[in-house]
N, C-alpha and C. Protein backbone atom coordinates (compact mmCIF):
# COMPACT_ATOMS: atom_id res chain seq x y z
N MET A 1 82.40 89.67 117.92
CA MET A 1 82.38 90.75 116.95
C MET A 1 81.35 90.42 115.88
N THR A 2 80.68 91.45 115.39
CA THR A 2 79.67 91.28 114.33
C THR A 2 80.26 91.79 113.01
N PRO A 3 79.64 91.39 111.88
CA PRO A 3 80.11 91.91 110.59
C PRO A 3 80.07 93.44 110.51
N MET A 4 79.02 94.03 111.08
CA MET A 4 78.91 95.49 111.03
C MET A 4 80.02 96.15 111.85
N LEU A 5 80.29 95.61 113.03
CA LEU A 5 81.36 96.16 113.85
C LEU A 5 82.72 96.00 113.15
N ALA A 6 82.91 94.89 112.46
CA ALA A 6 84.15 94.67 111.71
C ALA A 6 84.31 95.73 110.62
N GLU A 7 83.20 96.06 109.96
CA GLU A 7 83.26 97.12 108.94
C GLU A 7 83.59 98.46 109.56
N VAL A 8 83.04 98.73 110.74
CA VAL A 8 83.35 99.98 111.45
C VAL A 8 84.83 100.02 111.81
N VAL A 9 85.35 98.90 112.32
CA VAL A 9 86.77 98.82 112.66
C VAL A 9 87.62 99.10 111.43
N TRP A 10 87.25 98.48 110.30
CA TRP A 10 87.99 98.73 109.06
C TRP A 10 87.93 100.22 108.70
N GLY A 11 86.73 100.82 108.77
CA GLY A 11 86.57 102.24 108.42
C GLY A 11 87.36 103.16 109.34
N VAL A 12 87.37 102.87 110.63
CA VAL A 12 88.14 103.67 111.58
C VAL A 12 89.63 103.57 111.23
N GLY A 13 90.08 102.39 110.84
CA GLY A 13 91.47 102.23 110.43
C GLY A 13 91.82 103.10 109.23
N LEU A 14 90.91 103.17 108.26
CA LEU A 14 91.13 104.00 107.08
C LEU A 14 91.23 105.48 107.47
N VAL A 15 90.31 105.92 108.32
CA VAL A 15 90.33 107.32 108.77
C VAL A 15 91.60 107.60 109.57
N ALA A 16 91.98 106.68 110.46
CA ALA A 16 93.20 106.87 111.25
C ALA A 16 94.43 106.93 110.35
N TRP A 17 94.46 106.10 109.32
CA TRP A 17 95.57 106.14 108.35
C TRP A 17 95.69 107.55 107.76
N ALA A 18 94.55 108.11 107.33
CA ALA A 18 94.56 109.45 106.73
C ALA A 18 95.01 110.51 107.74
N ILE A 19 94.54 110.39 108.98
CA ILE A 19 94.91 111.36 110.01
C ILE A 19 96.41 111.31 110.28
N ILE A 20 96.98 110.12 110.26
CA ILE A 20 98.42 110.00 110.46
C ILE A 20 99.18 110.54 109.26
N ARG A 21 98.71 110.23 108.06
CA ARG A 21 99.45 110.54 106.83
C ARG A 21 99.45 112.02 106.49
N VAL A 22 98.33 112.70 106.60
CA VAL A 22 98.19 114.07 106.09
C VAL A 22 99.24 115.05 106.65
N PRO A 23 99.48 115.11 107.96
CA PRO A 23 100.49 116.07 108.44
C PRO A 23 101.89 115.78 107.90
N HIS A 24 102.21 114.52 107.73
CA HIS A 24 103.53 114.16 107.20
C HIS A 24 103.65 114.53 105.72
N GLN A 25 102.54 114.38 105.01
CA GLN A 25 102.54 114.77 103.61
C GLN A 25 102.73 116.28 103.48
N SER A 26 102.07 117.04 104.34
CA SER A 26 102.22 118.50 104.31
C SER A 26 103.65 118.91 104.65
N ARG A 27 104.24 118.27 105.66
CA ARG A 27 105.61 118.58 106.04
C ARG A 27 106.59 118.20 104.94
N ALA A 28 106.35 117.06 104.31
CA ALA A 28 107.26 116.60 103.25
C ALA A 28 107.32 117.58 102.09
N ARG A 29 106.21 118.22 101.79
CA ARG A 29 106.19 119.18 100.68
C ARG A 29 107.08 120.39 100.94
N LYS A 30 107.39 120.64 102.21
CA LYS A 30 108.21 121.81 102.57
C LYS A 30 109.71 121.53 102.48
N THR A 31 110.08 120.26 102.35
CA THR A 31 111.50 119.89 102.28
C THR A 31 111.87 119.64 100.83
N ARG A 32 112.90 120.34 100.37
CA ARG A 32 113.29 120.28 98.96
C ARG A 32 113.76 118.88 98.57
N VAL A 33 113.34 118.45 97.39
CA VAL A 33 113.73 117.16 96.83
C VAL A 33 114.98 117.35 95.99
N THR A 34 116.00 116.52 96.22
CA THR A 34 117.23 116.61 95.43
C THR A 34 117.32 115.53 94.37
N SER A 35 116.59 114.43 94.56
CA SER A 35 116.61 113.34 93.60
C SER A 35 115.27 112.63 93.64
N SER A 36 114.72 112.36 92.47
CA SER A 36 113.41 111.72 92.39
C SER A 36 113.43 110.61 91.35
N ALA A 37 112.75 109.52 91.67
CA ALA A 37 112.63 108.41 90.73
C ALA A 37 111.16 108.15 90.42
N LYS A 38 110.38 109.22 90.33
CA LYS A 38 108.97 109.08 89.98
C LYS A 38 108.87 108.55 88.56
N THR A 39 108.11 107.49 88.41
CA THR A 39 107.88 106.92 87.09
C THR A 39 106.40 106.59 86.96
N LEU A 40 105.99 106.30 85.75
CA LEU A 40 104.61 105.87 85.53
C LEU A 40 104.35 104.57 86.28
N GLN A 41 105.32 103.68 86.27
CA GLN A 41 105.17 102.40 86.99
C GLN A 41 104.94 102.65 88.48
N ASP A 42 105.68 103.58 89.07
CA ASP A 42 105.52 103.89 90.48
C ASP A 42 104.13 104.47 90.76
N ARG A 43 103.69 105.36 89.91
CA ARG A 43 102.35 105.95 90.09
C ARG A 43 101.26 104.90 89.96
N LEU A 44 101.42 103.97 89.01
CA LEU A 44 100.43 102.90 88.84
C LEU A 44 100.44 101.97 90.05
N ALA A 45 101.61 101.72 90.62
CA ALA A 45 101.70 100.87 91.81
C ALA A 45 101.01 101.54 93.00
N LEU A 46 101.20 102.85 93.15
CA LEU A 46 100.50 103.59 94.20
C LEU A 46 98.99 103.55 93.99
N LEU A 47 98.57 103.67 92.73
CA LEU A 47 97.15 103.60 92.41
C LEU A 47 96.60 102.22 92.75
N ALA A 48 97.34 101.16 92.44
CA ALA A 48 96.90 99.80 92.76
C ALA A 48 96.71 99.64 94.27
N ALA A 49 97.63 100.19 95.06
CA ALA A 49 97.51 100.11 96.52
C ALA A 49 96.27 100.89 96.99
N ALA A 50 96.04 102.07 96.42
CA ALA A 50 94.88 102.87 96.80
C ALA A 50 93.57 102.17 96.43
N VAL A 51 93.54 101.56 95.27
CA VAL A 51 92.33 100.83 94.84
C VAL A 51 92.09 99.65 95.78
N GLY A 52 93.14 98.89 96.08
CA GLY A 52 92.99 97.70 96.90
C GLY A 52 92.70 97.96 98.37
N LEU A 53 93.30 99.03 98.92
CA LEU A 53 93.13 99.32 100.34
C LEU A 53 92.01 100.32 100.63
N CYS A 54 91.58 101.06 99.61
CA CYS A 54 90.56 102.09 99.85
C CYS A 54 89.32 101.90 98.98
N LEU A 55 89.48 102.00 97.67
CA LEU A 55 88.30 102.06 96.80
C LEU A 55 87.46 100.79 96.80
N VAL A 56 88.09 99.64 96.60
CA VAL A 56 87.31 98.39 96.56
C VAL A 56 86.63 98.12 97.90
N PRO A 57 87.34 98.23 99.03
CA PRO A 57 86.63 98.00 100.29
C PRO A 57 85.57 99.05 100.62
N ILE A 58 85.80 100.30 100.24
CA ILE A 58 84.76 101.33 100.45
C ILE A 58 83.52 100.96 99.66
N LEU A 59 83.69 100.53 98.42
CA LEU A 59 82.56 100.11 97.60
C LEU A 59 81.81 98.96 98.26
N PHE A 60 82.55 97.99 98.79
CA PHE A 60 81.92 96.85 99.46
C PHE A 60 81.16 97.28 100.71
N VAL A 61 81.81 98.08 101.56
CA VAL A 61 81.18 98.51 102.81
C VAL A 61 79.96 99.37 102.53
N ALA A 62 80.03 100.24 101.53
CA ALA A 62 78.94 101.17 101.23
C ALA A 62 77.77 100.50 100.51
N THR A 63 78.06 99.51 99.65
CA THR A 63 77.00 98.96 98.81
C THR A 63 76.80 97.45 98.92
N GLY A 64 77.78 96.74 99.48
CA GLY A 64 77.70 95.28 99.51
C GLY A 64 78.19 94.62 98.24
N PHE A 65 78.60 95.43 97.26
CA PHE A 65 79.11 94.89 96.00
C PHE A 65 80.58 94.54 96.15
N PRO A 66 81.05 93.46 95.68
CA PRO A 66 80.40 92.40 94.92
C PRO A 66 79.88 91.29 95.85
N GLY A 67 78.59 91.25 96.05
CA GLY A 67 77.97 90.32 96.98
C GLY A 67 78.19 88.85 96.66
N PHE A 68 78.41 88.54 95.39
CA PHE A 68 78.61 87.13 95.02
C PHE A 68 79.87 86.54 95.64
N ALA A 69 80.80 87.39 96.10
CA ALA A 69 82.06 86.91 96.68
C ALA A 69 82.02 86.86 98.21
N ASN A 70 80.82 87.09 98.79
CA ASN A 70 80.70 87.05 100.25
C ASN A 70 80.91 85.64 100.78
N TYR A 71 81.42 85.55 102.01
CA TYR A 71 81.48 84.28 102.71
C TYR A 71 81.08 84.53 104.16
N THR A 72 80.86 83.49 104.92
CA THR A 72 80.38 83.61 106.28
C THR A 72 81.41 84.30 107.17
N PHE A 73 80.96 85.34 107.84
CA PHE A 73 81.83 86.09 108.75
C PHE A 73 82.16 85.23 109.97
N GLN A 74 83.43 85.26 110.36
CA GLN A 74 83.89 84.54 111.55
C GLN A 74 84.28 85.57 112.61
N PRO A 75 83.56 85.62 113.74
CA PRO A 75 83.87 86.62 114.77
C PRO A 75 85.34 86.60 115.21
N TRP A 76 85.93 85.43 115.34
CA TRP A 76 87.33 85.37 115.78
C TRP A 76 88.25 86.05 114.78
N LEU A 77 87.90 85.97 113.47
CA LEU A 77 88.69 86.68 112.46
C LEU A 77 88.54 88.19 112.61
N GLY A 78 87.35 88.63 112.98
CA GLY A 78 87.13 90.05 113.22
C GLY A 78 88.00 90.56 114.36
N TRP A 79 88.06 89.81 115.46
CA TRP A 79 88.90 90.21 116.59
C TRP A 79 90.37 90.19 116.21
N LEU A 80 90.77 89.18 115.46
CA LEU A 80 92.15 89.12 114.97
C LEU A 80 92.44 90.32 114.07
N GLY A 81 91.49 90.64 113.20
CA GLY A 81 91.64 91.81 112.32
C GLY A 81 91.81 93.09 113.11
N LEU A 82 91.06 93.23 114.20
CA LEU A 82 91.20 94.41 115.06
C LEU A 82 92.61 94.50 115.63
N LEU A 83 93.13 93.40 116.14
CA LEU A 83 94.49 93.41 116.70
C LEU A 83 95.54 93.73 115.64
N ILE A 84 95.38 93.15 114.46
CA ILE A 84 96.33 93.40 113.37
C ILE A 84 96.23 94.85 112.92
N GLU A 85 95.02 95.38 112.87
CA GLU A 85 94.85 96.79 112.48
C GLU A 85 95.50 97.73 113.49
N LEU A 86 95.38 97.42 114.77
CA LEU A 86 96.05 98.23 115.79
C LEU A 86 97.57 98.18 115.61
N ALA A 87 98.09 96.99 115.32
CA ALA A 87 99.54 96.86 115.06
C ALA A 87 99.93 97.67 113.84
N PHE A 88 99.11 97.60 112.78
CA PHE A 88 99.37 98.39 111.57
C PHE A 88 99.45 99.88 111.89
N LEU A 89 98.47 100.39 112.63
CA LEU A 89 98.44 101.83 112.91
C LEU A 89 99.61 102.26 113.78
N CYS A 90 99.97 101.46 114.77
CA CYS A 90 101.12 101.79 115.62
C CYS A 90 102.41 101.82 114.80
N LEU A 91 102.59 100.81 113.97
CA LEU A 91 103.78 100.73 113.13
C LEU A 91 103.81 101.85 112.09
N PHE A 92 102.67 102.14 111.50
CA PHE A 92 102.56 103.20 110.50
C PHE A 92 102.91 104.55 111.12
N TYR A 93 102.35 104.83 112.29
CA TYR A 93 102.62 106.08 112.98
C TYR A 93 104.11 106.19 113.35
N ALA A 94 104.64 105.14 113.95
CA ALA A 94 106.03 105.17 114.41
C ALA A 94 107.00 105.32 113.24
N SER A 95 106.73 104.65 112.13
CA SER A 95 107.65 104.76 110.99
C SER A 95 107.63 106.17 110.40
N HIS A 96 106.47 106.81 110.38
CA HIS A 96 106.41 108.21 109.93
C HIS A 96 107.19 109.12 110.87
N GLN A 97 106.96 108.93 112.17
CA GLN A 97 107.63 109.77 113.16
C GLN A 97 109.15 109.62 113.06
N GLN A 98 109.61 108.39 112.89
CA GLN A 98 111.05 108.15 112.89
C GLN A 98 111.72 108.60 111.59
N LEU A 99 111.00 108.54 110.48
CA LEU A 99 111.57 109.06 109.23
C LEU A 99 111.56 110.59 109.21
N GLY A 100 110.57 111.17 109.85
CA GLY A 100 110.50 112.62 109.91
C GLY A 100 110.46 113.27 108.54
N LYS A 101 111.30 114.27 108.33
CA LYS A 101 111.27 115.06 107.09
C LYS A 101 111.79 114.28 105.89
N TYR A 102 112.33 113.09 106.10
CA TYR A 102 112.88 112.31 104.98
C TYR A 102 111.82 111.43 104.32
N TRP A 103 110.62 111.38 104.87
CA TRP A 103 109.55 110.56 104.30
C TRP A 103 108.98 111.23 103.05
N SER A 104 108.57 110.42 102.09
CA SER A 104 107.81 110.92 100.94
C SER A 104 106.95 109.80 100.39
N VAL A 105 105.88 110.18 99.69
CA VAL A 105 104.98 109.20 99.09
C VAL A 105 105.68 108.47 97.97
N THR A 106 106.44 109.21 97.18
CA THR A 106 107.12 108.62 96.03
C THR A 106 108.60 108.43 96.35
N LEU A 107 109.33 107.91 95.38
CA LEU A 107 110.75 107.63 95.58
C LEU A 107 111.55 108.92 95.42
N GLU A 108 111.91 109.51 96.56
CA GLU A 108 112.62 110.79 96.55
C GLU A 108 113.70 110.83 97.62
N ILE A 109 114.75 111.56 97.32
CA ILE A 109 115.79 111.89 98.29
C ILE A 109 115.66 113.38 98.56
N ARG A 110 115.67 113.74 99.82
CA ARG A 110 115.45 115.12 100.21
C ARG A 110 116.76 115.82 100.59
N THR A 111 116.70 117.14 100.68
CA THR A 111 117.86 117.94 101.08
C THR A 111 118.39 117.44 102.42
N GLU A 112 119.71 117.31 102.50
CA GLU A 112 120.38 116.86 103.73
C GLU A 112 119.83 115.53 104.23
N HIS A 113 119.43 114.68 103.31
CA HIS A 113 118.85 113.38 103.65
C HIS A 113 119.89 112.55 104.41
N ARG A 114 119.47 111.95 105.49
CA ARG A 114 120.36 111.04 106.21
C ARG A 114 119.72 109.67 106.25
N LEU A 115 120.54 108.67 106.39
CA LEU A 115 120.07 107.29 106.48
C LEU A 115 119.57 107.05 107.90
N VAL A 116 118.28 106.75 108.02
CA VAL A 116 117.69 106.49 109.33
C VAL A 116 117.89 105.02 109.66
N THR A 117 118.61 104.75 110.75
CA THR A 117 118.92 103.37 111.13
C THR A 117 118.60 103.10 112.60
N ASP A 118 117.83 103.97 113.23
CA ASP A 118 117.48 103.75 114.63
C ASP A 118 115.99 103.51 114.76
N GLY A 119 115.53 103.25 115.97
CA GLY A 119 114.12 102.95 116.18
C GLY A 119 113.73 101.68 115.45
N LEU A 120 112.59 101.70 114.80
CA LEU A 120 112.13 100.54 114.01
C LEU A 120 113.13 100.18 112.91
N TYR A 121 113.81 101.20 112.40
CA TYR A 121 114.73 101.01 111.28
C TYR A 121 116.00 100.27 111.71
N ARG A 122 116.19 100.06 112.98
CA ARG A 122 117.30 99.24 113.47
C ARG A 122 117.03 97.77 113.14
N TYR A 123 115.76 97.40 113.01
CA TYR A 123 115.39 96.00 112.81
C TYR A 123 114.99 95.67 111.38
N VAL A 124 114.28 96.61 110.74
CA VAL A 124 113.86 96.39 109.35
C VAL A 124 114.06 97.67 108.55
N ARG A 125 114.35 97.50 107.27
CA ARG A 125 114.60 98.66 106.41
C ARG A 125 113.31 99.35 105.98
N HIS A 126 112.20 98.61 105.97
CA HIS A 126 110.96 99.15 105.44
C HIS A 126 109.77 98.89 106.37
N PRO A 127 109.78 99.46 107.58
CA PRO A 127 108.64 99.21 108.48
C PRO A 127 107.33 99.75 107.95
N MET A 128 107.39 100.77 107.09
CA MET A 128 106.13 101.29 106.55
C MET A 128 105.50 100.29 105.58
N TYR A 129 106.31 99.63 104.78
CA TYR A 129 105.76 98.56 103.93
C TYR A 129 105.20 97.44 104.79
N LEU A 130 105.89 97.11 105.87
CA LEU A 130 105.37 96.09 106.78
C LEU A 130 104.01 96.51 107.32
N SER A 131 103.87 97.79 107.65
CA SER A 131 102.57 98.27 108.16
C SER A 131 101.49 98.11 107.10
N PHE A 132 101.82 98.35 105.83
CA PHE A 132 100.83 98.16 104.76
C PHE A 132 100.44 96.70 104.60
N TRP A 133 101.41 95.79 104.74
CA TRP A 133 101.07 94.36 104.70
C TRP A 133 100.11 94.02 105.84
N LEU A 134 100.36 94.57 107.03
CA LEU A 134 99.46 94.32 108.16
C LEU A 134 98.07 94.89 107.89
N TRP A 135 98.01 96.07 107.30
CA TRP A 135 96.72 96.68 106.96
C TRP A 135 95.95 95.76 106.01
N ALA A 136 96.63 95.24 105.01
CA ALA A 136 95.98 94.36 104.05
C ALA A 136 95.49 93.07 104.71
N ILE A 137 96.27 92.53 105.63
CA ILE A 137 95.85 91.32 106.34
C ILE A 137 94.66 91.62 107.25
N ALA A 138 94.68 92.77 107.91
CA ALA A 138 93.54 93.17 108.74
C ALA A 138 92.28 93.28 107.89
N GLN A 139 92.40 93.87 106.72
CA GLN A 139 91.27 94.01 105.80
C GLN A 139 90.71 92.63 105.43
N LEU A 140 91.59 91.69 105.16
CA LEU A 140 91.18 90.33 104.82
C LEU A 140 90.40 89.70 105.97
N CYS A 141 90.82 89.96 107.20
CA CYS A 141 90.13 89.42 108.37
C CYS A 141 88.80 90.11 108.65
N LEU A 142 88.72 91.41 108.38
CA LEU A 142 87.55 92.20 108.76
C LEU A 142 86.43 92.20 107.74
N LEU A 143 86.74 92.04 106.46
CA LEU A 143 85.72 92.12 105.42
C LEU A 143 85.48 90.74 104.81
N PRO A 144 84.32 90.13 105.10
CA PRO A 144 84.05 88.77 104.64
C PRO A 144 83.60 88.71 103.18
N ASN A 145 84.50 89.12 102.32
CA ASN A 145 84.23 89.11 100.89
C ASN A 145 85.54 88.79 100.18
N GLY A 146 85.51 87.78 99.33
CA GLY A 146 86.73 87.32 98.68
C GLY A 146 87.44 88.38 97.86
N ILE A 147 86.70 89.30 97.29
CA ILE A 147 87.30 90.35 96.46
C ILE A 147 87.70 91.54 97.32
N ALA A 148 86.76 92.08 98.08
CA ALA A 148 87.06 93.26 98.90
C ALA A 148 88.09 92.94 99.98
N GLY A 149 87.98 91.76 100.58
CA GLY A 149 88.92 91.38 101.63
C GLY A 149 90.34 91.23 101.12
N SER A 150 90.48 90.60 99.96
CA SER A 150 91.83 90.33 99.45
C SER A 150 92.38 91.43 98.54
N ALA A 151 91.58 92.41 98.20
CA ALA A 151 92.04 93.49 97.31
C ALA A 151 93.24 94.23 97.90
N GLY A 152 93.27 94.37 99.20
CA GLY A 152 94.39 95.05 99.84
C GLY A 152 95.69 94.29 99.65
N LEU A 153 95.64 92.96 99.76
CA LEU A 153 96.85 92.16 99.55
C LEU A 153 97.37 92.32 98.13
N VAL A 154 96.47 92.34 97.17
CA VAL A 154 96.87 92.51 95.77
C VAL A 154 97.49 93.89 95.56
N GLY A 155 96.86 94.92 96.12
CA GLY A 155 97.38 96.28 95.99
C GLY A 155 98.73 96.47 96.65
N VAL A 156 98.88 95.95 97.86
CA VAL A 156 100.15 96.08 98.58
C VAL A 156 101.24 95.28 97.88
N ALA A 157 100.91 94.08 97.42
CA ALA A 157 101.91 93.27 96.70
C ALA A 157 102.38 93.99 95.45
N THR A 158 101.46 94.60 94.73
CA THR A 158 101.82 95.36 93.52
C THR A 158 102.78 96.50 93.88
N LEU A 159 102.43 97.25 94.91
CA LEU A 159 103.28 98.37 95.33
C LEU A 159 104.65 97.87 95.81
N TYR A 160 104.64 96.93 96.69
CA TYR A 160 105.89 96.47 97.31
C TYR A 160 106.84 95.86 96.27
N PHE A 161 106.34 94.93 95.49
CA PHE A 161 107.23 94.21 94.58
C PHE A 161 107.67 95.06 93.37
N SER A 162 106.89 96.08 93.03
CA SER A 162 107.31 96.93 91.92
C SER A 162 108.23 98.06 92.38
N ARG A 163 108.26 98.32 93.69
CA ARG A 163 108.95 99.51 94.16
C ARG A 163 110.19 99.25 95.02
N VAL A 164 110.20 98.20 95.82
CA VAL A 164 111.24 98.07 96.84
C VAL A 164 112.65 97.98 96.24
N ARG A 165 112.82 97.29 95.12
CA ARG A 165 114.16 97.21 94.50
C ARG A 165 114.63 98.58 94.05
N HIS A 166 113.72 99.37 93.46
CA HIS A 166 114.08 100.71 93.00
C HIS A 166 114.41 101.64 94.18
N GLU A 167 113.64 101.50 95.23
CA GLU A 167 113.88 102.33 96.41
C GLU A 167 115.25 102.00 97.02
N GLU A 168 115.55 100.71 97.10
CA GLU A 168 116.84 100.33 97.68
C GLU A 168 118.00 100.73 96.76
N ALA A 169 117.81 100.67 95.46
CA ALA A 169 118.86 101.12 94.53
C ALA A 169 119.10 102.61 94.71
N MET A 170 118.05 103.37 94.91
CA MET A 170 118.18 104.81 95.12
C MET A 170 118.94 105.09 96.43
N MET A 171 118.62 104.35 97.47
CA MET A 171 119.31 104.53 98.74
C MET A 171 120.79 104.12 98.61
N ARG A 172 121.06 103.07 97.88
CA ARG A 172 122.43 102.61 97.67
C ARG A 172 123.22 103.67 96.89
N ASP A 173 122.60 104.27 95.87
CA ASP A 173 123.26 105.33 95.10
C ASP A 173 123.56 106.55 95.98
N THR A 174 122.68 106.83 96.92
CA THR A 174 122.83 108.00 97.78
C THR A 174 123.81 107.76 98.92
N PHE A 175 123.73 106.60 99.56
CA PHE A 175 124.49 106.35 100.78
C PHE A 175 125.63 105.35 100.62
N GLY A 176 125.75 104.73 99.46
CA GLY A 176 126.88 103.85 99.16
C GLY A 176 127.07 102.70 100.12
N THR A 177 128.30 102.53 100.59
CA THR A 177 128.63 101.39 101.43
C THR A 177 127.91 101.43 102.77
N SER A 178 127.54 102.60 103.24
CA SER A 178 126.77 102.69 104.49
C SER A 178 125.45 101.95 104.34
N TYR A 179 124.84 102.09 103.17
CA TYR A 179 123.57 101.40 102.95
C TYR A 179 123.80 99.90 102.80
N ASP A 180 124.87 99.51 102.12
CA ASP A 180 125.19 98.09 101.99
C ASP A 180 125.38 97.44 103.36
N GLU A 181 126.09 98.11 104.25
CA GLU A 181 126.29 97.58 105.60
C GLU A 181 124.97 97.49 106.34
N TYR A 182 124.14 98.50 106.18
CA TYR A 182 122.82 98.52 106.82
C TYR A 182 121.97 97.34 106.34
N THR A 183 122.01 97.05 105.04
CA THR A 183 121.21 95.93 104.51
C THR A 183 121.70 94.58 105.02
N ARG A 184 122.98 94.48 105.32
CA ARG A 184 123.50 93.22 105.87
C ARG A 184 122.99 92.98 107.30
N GLN A 185 122.66 94.05 107.99
CA GLN A 185 122.23 93.93 109.39
C GLN A 185 120.72 93.84 109.57
N THR A 186 119.96 94.22 108.55
CA THR A 186 118.50 94.30 108.69
C THR A 186 117.80 93.54 107.58
N GLY A 187 116.59 93.09 107.87
CA GLY A 187 115.74 92.51 106.84
C GLY A 187 114.91 93.59 106.20
N ARG A 188 114.35 93.30 105.05
CA ARG A 188 113.50 94.31 104.39
C ARG A 188 112.27 94.62 105.24
N ILE A 189 111.47 93.60 105.54
CA ILE A 189 110.27 93.84 106.36
C ILE A 189 110.17 92.88 107.54
N ILE A 190 111.03 91.88 107.57
CA ILE A 190 111.07 90.94 108.69
C ILE A 190 112.46 91.01 109.30
N PRO A 191 112.56 91.23 110.62
CA PRO A 191 113.89 91.33 111.23
C PRO A 191 114.71 90.06 111.01
N LYS A 192 116.00 90.26 110.83
CA LYS A 192 116.90 89.11 110.69
C LYS A 192 117.07 88.47 112.08
N PRO A 193 117.21 87.15 112.11
CA PRO A 193 117.30 86.48 113.42
C PRO A 193 118.62 86.66 114.14
N TRP A 194 119.64 87.21 113.49
CA TRP A 194 120.95 87.37 114.15
C TRP A 194 121.24 88.82 114.44
């Protein structure tokens, strides 16, 4: 793999992410929200993820900035990045499909919301966050720049660590002991070994 091909792979992943996300966003707008925990902190965390996974790497790919943080591209890392990006896209797509009308960008409970515990959700409570971690790792492998490559990890960490506790509290408030039982059986983003 060459550095240019790695950048193309990264760009295709970004476009594929948007293609997967847009129809679900349109569908989500049609389902009434009954409870929302939108906060400034949540919006800033989403912005951090967007900056880290989209804006900083787009700037790097388009202009080479910040060139001072470049390091030697390793073809094996590019191939690894491709595999991780494919895993990210498969997981991202499947988690959207399995959540269906209950998915939203922000922390919301929708009309007739049910707790999804099958498919990927049988193993982990947050496969979509796991997909974002994979996307960030793929970016690190594909873009040989200390800032652009690692910006995704910073953005995803900001989103995940500022949001997951609030999201789980909202689910616990909505589903009560059913959610508590579900959390005992599943890991947040890594399946439990038992």
